[in-house]
Amino acid sequence: MTEVFVVNSGSSSLKYQLVNVVTGEALVNGLIERIGEPGSKVKDHAAGMKFALDALGNGHDITAVGHRVVHGGTFFTEATIIDDDVENKIDLLSVLAPLHNPANLTGIRAARKALPDIPHVAVFDTAFHQTLKPEAYTYAIDAHLSSVHAIRRYGFHGTSHRYVSQRAADLLGRNLADLKMIVLHLGNGASACAIDGGKSIDTSMGMTPLAGLVMGTRSGDLDPAILSYLHREAGLSFDDLDTLLNNQSGLLGLAGEGDMRDVQDAATKGNAQAESALAVYRHRIRHYVGAYLAQLGRLDALVFTAGVGENSVELRAQSLAGLEGLGIAVDPIRNAAVSKAERYISPDESPVAVLVIPTNEELEIARQTVAVIGA
C-alpha cells in the first residue's frame, strides 16, 4: 500500500494530492476553485472529484483515500475508516464547525461515490488534542450548559502539530516520548501547542479556530465582554460580530493588510499601524511561549512551522528576542539562511533547540490513513 489520494474539500474548492507514503513524495497535486459558482465549469464537488481523478492520469494504483476533516468533537480521537455512521457523526458536528465540516463532508461523499471500492479514512484536525486533560480543556462556565452543548477546548491544526513534533524529534535524534516542546504553527491561521512526550497537553485554539494567537483576519484571544459591549453600544448583530472577529480582525483589522508579508513591508516603510500590529502579534506569541513553558516544566525544543513560521526571518528573531534567560536564543546567521530544509536556528550551546520544520499535512494524512487501514 503506497499511494494514497489525499482530499481537502472546502465549500467551493477541492485540494488534492496523490502521495507515495513510502518515499513521502507528492506524485500529483492540484487545486480546483470556484466550484458551483456562477460561470464556473465545475458545477459541484462530484464534477470536481472527476476532474481531480482525471488529472491523476493512468498508471496509479490508489489504495486508499485520506480526507481532512476539521472537527471530530469528542466522537473521534484518531483517524477513522469512513462508513455511513461516521458520515452522520461528521454531519452532527457541523454545529461546531459550520464553515468547515459541511464542506469536508461534501468532498467525502463525492469521493466515496467516485471511488466506492477502496477504503476512505477521515483524519481530524482536533484528534491530536484529545489528550488534553480536563483542566486544560474545560471552560469556567456553567457545567450543565457546557455538557449539553459540548462546549470545551478542542484545538485545531492537530495534523500539522503531530507531523512537526515527530520530525523535530527525528532532527534532534531523540525519542519523541522523551521530549517537551512548543510548536508554533504560524500561517493565515495560527496556533501554539505544548507537546509532552508526543502528546498535546495544551493548545491556543479553543472550541473554534478563533481563539489564541493573532491571525491574518482572526482576532485570537479577547475579553468576551467586548462582544456584548459592541452589541449594546455599536449596534452590531451577532452575525456582524462573527464577521468582525473571523474576517475583519487580526492583522487585517490592525494594519489594513491580512498577509504577513504585506504588513512587514509596510512596517519597513515606517507605517505605524503595521509596526503596532507586528508588536501585538509578537507579544501574543511570547505570552503563549511563557505559559506553555510553565505547563511543561522544561523545554527541549521550540519549533516554527507553516507559511509565516517557515519563511519570516524577522518574525522568528523578534518574537524570541530577550528570552535567552529561559534558554531560548536564535542565531542570526542560521536564522537568516535561505532554506526550505528542516534546520536548527539556535546556537550550538543553546539549552533549547529552536527549529524550523516545514509542515506537510498531506503526508501526515496519508500516513495516518495507511496506519488505520493496516490496523
Protein backbone atom coordinates (compact mmCIF):
# COMPACT_ATOMS: atom_id res chain seq x y z
CA MET A 1 0.00 0.00 0.00
CA THR A 2 1.91 3.05 -1.18
CA GLU A 3 -0.32 5.55 -3.00
CA VAL A 4 -2.91 7.48 -1.01
CA PHE A 5 -5.23 10.07 -2.53
CA VAL A 6 -5.49 12.94 -0.02
CA VAL A 7 -8.54 15.21 -0.24
CA ASN A 8 -9.11 18.56 1.47
CA SER A 9 -12.55 19.79 0.47
CA GLY A 10 -13.71 23.36 1.04
CA SER A 11 -17.09 24.93 0.40
CA SER A 12 -16.12 25.94 -3.15
CA SER A 13 -12.73 24.29 -3.54
CA LEU A 14 -11.08 20.89 -3.71
CA LYS A 15 -7.42 20.49 -2.88
CA TYR A 16 -5.95 17.10 -3.67
CA GLN A 17 -2.65 15.27 -3.63
CA LEU A 18 -1.51 11.78 -4.55
CA VAL A 19 1.12 10.74 -2.01
CA ASN A 20 3.61 7.90 -2.11
CA VAL A 21 3.70 7.03 1.58
CA VAL A 22 6.95 5.07 1.32
CA THR A 23 9.01 7.89 -0.23
CA GLY A 24 6.93 10.80 1.07
CA GLU A 25 6.74 12.17 -2.46
CA ALA A 26 3.74 14.09 -3.77
CA LEU A 27 3.20 12.43 -7.14
CA VAL A 28 0.36 14.72 -8.24
CA ASN A 29 -1.26 17.71 -6.61
CA GLY A 30 -3.84 20.25 -7.59
CA LEU A 31 -6.45 22.75 -6.51
CA ILE A 32 -9.89 23.23 -8.04
CA GLU A 33 -11.55 26.52 -7.11
CA ARG A 34 -14.86 28.33 -7.65
CA ILE A 35 -16.83 25.06 -7.54
CA GLY A 36 -20.53 25.74 -8.07
CA GLU A 37 -20.03 29.47 -8.54
CA PRO A 38 -21.60 31.39 -11.45
CA GLY A 39 -19.60 30.91 -14.61
CA SER A 40 -17.59 28.01 -13.24
CA LYS A 41 -17.10 24.93 -15.44
CA VAL A 42 -17.16 22.78 -12.29
CA LYS A 43 -20.79 22.68 -11.22
CA ASP A 44 -20.42 20.70 -7.97
CA HIS A 45 -17.96 18.65 -5.93
CA ALA A 46 -18.81 15.46 -7.82
CA ALA A 47 -17.65 17.15 -11.01
CA GLY A 48 -14.63 18.47 -9.17
CA MET A 49 -13.75 14.99 -7.97
CA LYS A 50 -13.98 13.64 -11.52
CA PHE A 51 -11.71 16.45 -12.70
CA ALA A 52 -9.18 15.64 -9.96
CA LEU A 53 -9.17 11.92 -10.71
CA ASP A 54 -8.80 12.61 -14.42
CA ALA A 55 -5.84 14.86 -13.61
CA LEU A 56 -4.09 11.95 -11.90
CA GLY A 57 -3.87 10.14 -15.21
CA ASN A 58 -3.20 6.46 -15.69
CA GLY A 59 -0.63 4.24 -14.07
CA HIS A 60 -1.55 4.99 -10.47
CA ASP A 61 -2.85 2.43 -8.02
CA ILE A 62 -4.81 4.35 -5.39
CA THR A 63 -5.10 2.07 -2.36
CA ALA A 64 -6.96 4.45 -0.03
CA VAL A 65 -8.35 7.97 0.24
CA GLY A 66 -7.48 10.19 3.20
CA HIS A 67 -9.82 13.08 3.98
CA ARG A 68 -9.05 16.10 6.09
CA VAL A 69 -11.92 16.82 8.48
CA VAL A 70 -11.68 19.87 10.71
CA HIS A 71 -13.85 18.92 13.69
CA GLY A 72 -14.11 15.48 15.25
CA GLY A 73 -15.63 16.67 18.52
CA THR A 74 -15.43 14.03 21.24
CA PHE A 75 -16.55 11.31 18.82
CA PHE A 76 -13.18 10.87 17.13
CA THR A 77 -9.86 10.64 18.94
CA GLU A 78 -7.94 9.22 15.99
CA ALA A 79 -8.16 8.72 12.24
CA THR A 80 -11.20 6.61 11.40
CA ILE A 81 -12.39 4.50 8.47
CA ILE A 82 -15.43 6.21 6.98
CA ASP A 83 -18.79 4.48 6.82
CA ASP A 84 -22.31 5.87 6.86
CA ASP A 85 -22.29 6.22 10.64
CA VAL A 86 -19.05 8.23 10.56
CA GLU A 87 -20.54 10.45 7.87
CA ASN A 88 -23.57 11.07 10.08
CA LYS A 89 -21.39 12.00 13.07
CA ILE A 90 -19.32 14.42 10.96
CA ASP A 91 -22.62 15.96 9.90
CA LEU A 92 -23.78 16.27 13.51
CA LEU A 93 -20.55 18.06 14.37
CA SER A 94 -21.24 20.72 11.75
CA VAL A 95 -22.82 22.80 14.50
CA LEU A 96 -19.31 23.17 15.99
CA ALA A 97 -17.62 23.90 12.65
CA PRO A 98 -20.30 25.28 10.31
CA LEU A 99 -17.79 26.66 7.81
CA HIS A 100 -15.69 23.51 7.57
CA ASN A 101 -17.41 20.20 8.37
CA PRO A 102 -20.21 20.53 5.78
CA ALA A 103 -17.59 21.25 3.11
CA ASN A 104 -15.41 18.35 4.26
CA LEU A 105 -18.46 16.08 4.18
CA THR A 106 -19.36 17.15 0.65
CA GLY A 107 -15.91 16.08 -0.51
CA ILE A 108 -16.17 12.78 1.34
CA ARG A 109 -19.47 11.93 -0.29
CA ALA A 110 -18.21 12.85 -3.75
CA ALA A 111 -15.06 10.76 -3.29
CA ARG A 112 -16.88 7.74 -1.86
CA LYS A 113 -19.22 7.80 -4.85
CA ALA A 114 -16.37 8.14 -7.34
CA LEU A 115 -14.15 5.54 -5.62
CA PRO A 116 -16.56 3.12 -3.91
CA ASP A 117 -14.30 0.07 -3.86
CA ILE A 118 -11.38 1.40 -1.80
CA PRO A 119 -11.29 2.45 1.87
CA HIS A 120 -11.78 6.09 2.84
CA VAL A 121 -10.34 7.47 6.09
CA ALA A 122 -11.19 10.68 7.96
CA VAL A 123 -8.24 12.42 9.63
CA PHE A 124 -9.41 15.02 12.14
CA ASP A 125 -7.70 18.31 12.99
CA THR A 126 -8.99 18.01 16.55
CA ALA A 127 -7.96 14.40 17.24
CA PHE A 128 -4.37 15.18 18.29
CA HIS A 129 -5.66 17.37 21.11
CA GLN A 130 -7.91 14.73 22.65
CA THR A 131 -5.04 14.05 25.08
CA LEU A 132 -5.72 17.36 26.85
CA LYS A 133 -6.65 16.89 30.50
CA PRO A 134 -9.98 18.25 31.78
CA GLU A 135 -8.29 21.21 33.45
CA ALA A 136 -6.84 22.21 30.08
CA TYR A 137 -10.00 21.82 28.01
CA THR A 138 -12.67 22.97 30.44
CA TYR A 139 -14.10 26.49 30.31
CA ALA A 140 -15.19 28.03 33.61
CA ILE A 141 -18.85 28.48 32.72
CA ASP A 142 -22.00 26.68 33.83
CA ALA A 143 -21.12 22.98 33.77
CA HIS A 144 -24.59 21.86 32.67
CA LEU A 145 -24.58 24.23 29.67
CA SER A 146 -21.11 23.03 28.72
CA SER A 147 -22.22 19.42 28.86
CA VAL A 148 -25.43 19.90 26.89
CA HIS A 149 -23.84 21.99 24.16
CA ALA A 150 -20.43 20.25 24.01
CA ILE A 151 -18.57 23.43 24.98
CA ARG A 152 -14.88 22.80 25.62
CA ARG A 153 -11.46 23.42 24.14
CA TYR A 154 -10.95 21.17 21.12
CA GLY A 155 -7.89 22.67 19.42
CA PHE A 156 -7.00 22.57 15.73
CA HIS A 157 -4.04 22.19 13.35
CA GLY A 158 -3.56 18.83 15.06
CA THR A 159 -2.35 17.09 11.91
CA SER A 160 0.38 19.70 11.50
CA HIS A 161 1.39 19.64 15.17
CA ARG A 162 1.62 15.84 15.12
CA TYR A 163 3.75 15.77 11.96
CA VAL A 164 6.06 18.58 13.02
CA SER A 165 6.68 17.23 16.52
CA GLN A 166 7.77 13.85 15.15
CA ARG A 167 10.02 15.47 12.56
CA ALA A 168 11.56 17.63 15.28
CA ALA A 169 12.35 14.51 17.30
CA ASP A 170 13.94 12.94 14.23
CA LEU A 171 16.04 16.06 13.59
CA LEU A 172 17.19 16.10 17.21
CA GLY A 173 17.96 12.37 17.08
CA ARG A 174 15.88 11.76 20.18
CA ASN A 175 12.83 9.74 21.12
CA LEU A 176 9.66 11.83 20.87
CA ALA A 177 8.42 10.26 24.12
CA ASP A 178 11.29 11.95 25.99
CA LEU A 179 10.79 15.47 24.61
CA LYS A 180 8.96 18.55 25.78
CA MET A 181 8.36 21.07 23.02
CA ILE A 182 6.32 24.02 21.85
CA VAL A 183 5.20 24.10 18.23
CA LEU A 184 4.18 27.43 16.68
CA HIS A 185 2.05 26.86 13.56
CA LEU A 186 2.05 30.37 12.09
CA GLY A 187 0.12 30.88 8.89
CA ASN A 188 -3.00 32.79 7.95
CA GLY A 189 -4.45 30.70 10.75
CA ALA A 190 -2.10 30.31 13.71
CA SER A 191 -1.89 28.17 16.82
CA ALA A 192 0.56 27.21 19.53
CA CYS A 193 0.75 23.76 21.05
CA ALA A 194 2.53 22.40 24.13
CA ILE A 195 3.61 18.82 23.46
CA ASP A 196 4.87 16.48 26.17
CA GLY A 197 6.14 13.09 25.08
CA GLY A 198 4.38 13.40 21.73
CA LYS A 199 1.03 14.29 23.31
CA SER A 200 -0.75 17.62 23.20
CA ILE A 201 -1.23 18.98 26.71
CA ASP A 202 -2.38 22.50 25.80
CA THR A 203 -3.17 24.46 22.67
CA SER A 204 -4.17 28.02 21.88
CA MET A 205 -7.21 27.46 19.67
CA GLY A 206 -10.36 26.63 21.57
CA MET A 207 -13.86 25.41 20.85
CA THR A 208 -13.35 27.03 17.44
CA PRO A 209 -10.26 28.12 15.47
CA LEU A 210 -10.86 31.74 16.56
CA ALA A 211 -9.06 31.70 19.91
CA GLY A 212 -5.39 32.18 20.70
CA LEU A 213 -2.74 33.86 18.56
CA VAL A 214 -3.28 36.86 16.30
CA MET A 215 -4.02 35.61 12.77
CA GLY A 216 -4.44 37.02 9.29
CA THR A 217 -8.08 38.02 9.70
CA ARG A 218 -8.99 36.42 13.06
CA SER A 219 -8.69 38.20 16.40
CA GLY A 220 -7.42 35.42 18.60
CA ASP A 221 -7.95 35.96 22.32
CA LEU A 222 -10.09 38.83 23.59
CA ASP A 223 -12.25 39.70 26.57
CA PRO A 224 -15.66 38.07 25.84
CA ALA A 225 -17.43 41.09 27.34
CA ILE A 226 -16.27 43.07 24.29
CA LEU A 227 -18.94 41.27 22.27
CA SER A 228 -21.86 42.27 24.45
CA TYR A 229 -20.41 45.78 24.70
CA LEU A 230 -20.23 46.15 20.89
CA HIS A 231 -23.73 44.71 20.60
CA ARG A 232 -25.12 47.31 23.01
CA GLU A 233 -23.01 50.35 22.16
CA ALA A 234 -22.21 49.92 18.46
CA GLY A 235 -25.40 48.11 17.46
CA LEU A 236 -23.56 45.12 15.98
CA SER A 237 -25.68 42.00 15.50
CA PHE A 238 -24.38 38.54 16.33
CA ASP A 239 -23.72 37.94 12.63
CA ASP A 240 -21.85 41.26 12.49
CA LEU A 241 -19.72 40.23 15.46
CA ASP A 242 -18.96 36.84 13.91
CA THR A 243 -17.86 38.53 10.69
CA LEU A 244 -15.81 41.09 12.60
CA LEU A 245 -13.85 38.55 14.62
CA ASN A 246 -13.30 35.99 11.86
CA ASN A 247 -12.93 38.12 8.73
CA GLN A 248 -12.10 41.70 9.70
CA SER A 249 -9.74 41.34 12.66
CA GLY A 250 -6.20 40.07 13.24
CA LEU A 251 -3.53 41.69 11.09
CA LEU A 252 -6.20 42.93 8.69
CA GLY A 253 -8.05 44.76 11.43
CA LEU A 254 -4.90 46.21 12.99
CA ALA A 255 -2.92 47.12 9.88
CA GLY A 256 -5.34 47.01 6.94
CA GLU A 257 -3.48 44.02 5.45
CA GLY A 258 -4.08 40.37 6.28
CA ASP A 259 -0.91 38.96 4.71
CA MET A 260 2.16 38.99 6.96
CA ARG A 261 4.42 39.87 4.02
CA ASP A 262 2.40 42.99 3.25
CA VAL A 263 2.34 44.03 6.90
CA GLN A 264 6.09 43.59 7.27
CA ASP A 265 6.70 45.51 4.06
CA ALA A 266 4.54 48.39 5.32
CA ALA A 267 6.36 48.35 8.66
CA THR A 268 9.77 48.64 6.98
CA LYS A 269 8.45 51.76 5.24
CA GLY A 270 7.54 53.31 8.56
CA ASN A 271 3.81 52.57 8.69
CA ALA A 272 2.95 52.99 12.38
CA GLN A 273 -0.16 50.80 12.23
CA ALA A 274 1.82 47.95 10.68
CA GLU A 275 4.55 48.30 13.30
CA SER A 276 1.94 48.20 16.06
CA ALA A 277 0.23 45.16 14.53
CA LEU A 278 3.50 43.24 14.46
CA ALA A 279 4.20 44.17 18.06
CA VAL A 280 0.81 42.78 19.11
CA TYR A 281 1.41 39.63 17.03
CA ARG A 282 4.80 39.03 18.69
CA HIS A 283 3.51 39.83 22.17
CA ARG A 284 0.83 37.15 21.84
CA ILE A 285 3.40 34.56 20.72
CA ARG A 286 5.63 35.32 23.71
CA HIS A 287 2.61 35.10 26.02
CA TYR A 288 1.93 31.53 24.90
CA VAL A 289 5.58 30.50 24.89
CA GLY A 290 5.85 31.59 28.52
CA ALA A 291 2.58 29.96 29.51
CA TYR A 292 3.47 26.65 27.89
CA LEU A 293 6.97 26.64 29.35
CA ALA A 294 5.29 26.83 32.74
CA GLN A 295 2.93 23.95 31.84
CA LEU A 296 5.74 21.76 30.51
CA GLY A 297 8.20 22.43 33.34
CA ARG A 298 11.15 22.43 30.98
CA LEU A 299 11.64 22.93 27.26
CA ASP A 300 13.75 20.86 24.88
CA ALA A 301 12.66 22.41 21.58
CA LEU A 302 10.66 25.29 20.17
CA VAL A 303 9.55 24.79 16.57
CA PHE A 304 8.34 27.22 13.92
CA THR A 305 6.20 25.89 11.07
CA ALA A 306 3.64 26.89 8.38
CA GLY A 307 3.90 29.78 5.93
CA VAL A 308 4.84 32.61 8.30
CA GLY A 309 6.80 30.45 10.72
CA GLU A 310 8.85 28.84 7.95
CA ASN A 311 9.58 31.99 5.97
CA SER A 312 9.69 35.10 8.17
CA VAL A 313 13.25 35.62 9.40
CA GLU A 314 12.34 38.83 11.22
CA LEU A 315 9.29 37.42 12.94
CA ARG A 316 11.19 34.43 14.33
CA ALA A 317 14.04 36.54 15.67
CA GLN A 318 11.93 39.34 17.11
CA SER A 319 9.36 37.03 18.72
CA LEU A 320 12.04 35.28 20.77
CA ALA A 321 14.31 38.28 21.45
CA GLY A 322 15.12 38.64 25.14
CA LEU A 323 14.25 35.06 26.08
CA GLU A 324 17.88 33.99 26.49
CA GLY A 325 17.35 33.79 30.25
CA LEU A 326 14.87 30.98 29.56
CA GLY A 327 17.42 29.15 27.42
CA ILE A 328 15.76 30.27 24.18
CA ALA A 329 18.00 32.00 21.63
CA VAL A 330 18.20 32.49 17.86
CA ASP A 331 21.48 32.51 15.92
CA PRO A 332 21.19 35.41 13.44
CA ILE A 333 23.24 33.75 10.71
CA ARG A 334 21.42 30.43 10.88
CA ASN A 335 18.07 32.18 11.08
CA ALA A 336 18.76 34.35 8.02
CA ALA A 337 19.90 31.45 5.81
CA VAL A 338 17.56 30.88 2.86
CA SER A 339 16.46 27.26 3.05
CA LYS A 340 13.39 25.05 2.73
CA ALA A 341 15.04 22.30 4.76
CA GLU A 342 14.40 21.24 8.33
CA ARG A 343 17.00 23.09 10.37
CA TYR A 344 18.32 24.48 13.64
CA ILE A 345 18.27 28.26 14.02
CA SER A 346 19.58 28.29 17.62
CA PRO A 347 23.26 28.44 18.66
CA ASP A 348 25.00 25.13 19.31
CA GLU A 349 25.30 25.86 23.04
CA SER A 350 21.63 26.80 23.50
CA PRO A 351 19.78 24.64 26.09
CA VAL A 352 16.63 24.83 23.96
CA ALA A 353 16.77 23.82 20.30
CA VAL A 354 14.94 26.36 18.14
CA LEU A 355 13.95 24.68 14.87
CA VAL A 356 12.24 25.42 11.59
CA ILE A 357 10.31 22.38 10.32
CA PRO A 358 8.22 22.72 7.12
CA THR A 359 4.84 21.14 7.75
CA ASN A 360 3.39 18.50 5.46
CA GLU A 361 -0.20 17.84 6.47
CA GLU A 362 -0.94 15.84 3.30
CA LEU A 363 1.83 13.37 4.05
CA GLU A 364 0.66 13.07 7.65
CA ILE A 365 -2.91 12.43 6.49
CA ALA A 366 -1.64 9.78 4.08
CA ARG A 367 0.42 8.09 6.80
CA GLN A 368 -2.46 8.05 9.27
CA THR A 369 -4.69 6.66 6.54
CA VAL A 370 -2.30 3.78 5.89
CA ALA A 371 -1.93 3.13 9.62
CA VAL A 372 -5.69 2.84 10.07
CA ILE A 373 -6.13 0.58 7.04
CA GLY A 374 -3.22 -1.59 8.17
CA ALA A 375 -4.63 -1.88 11.67
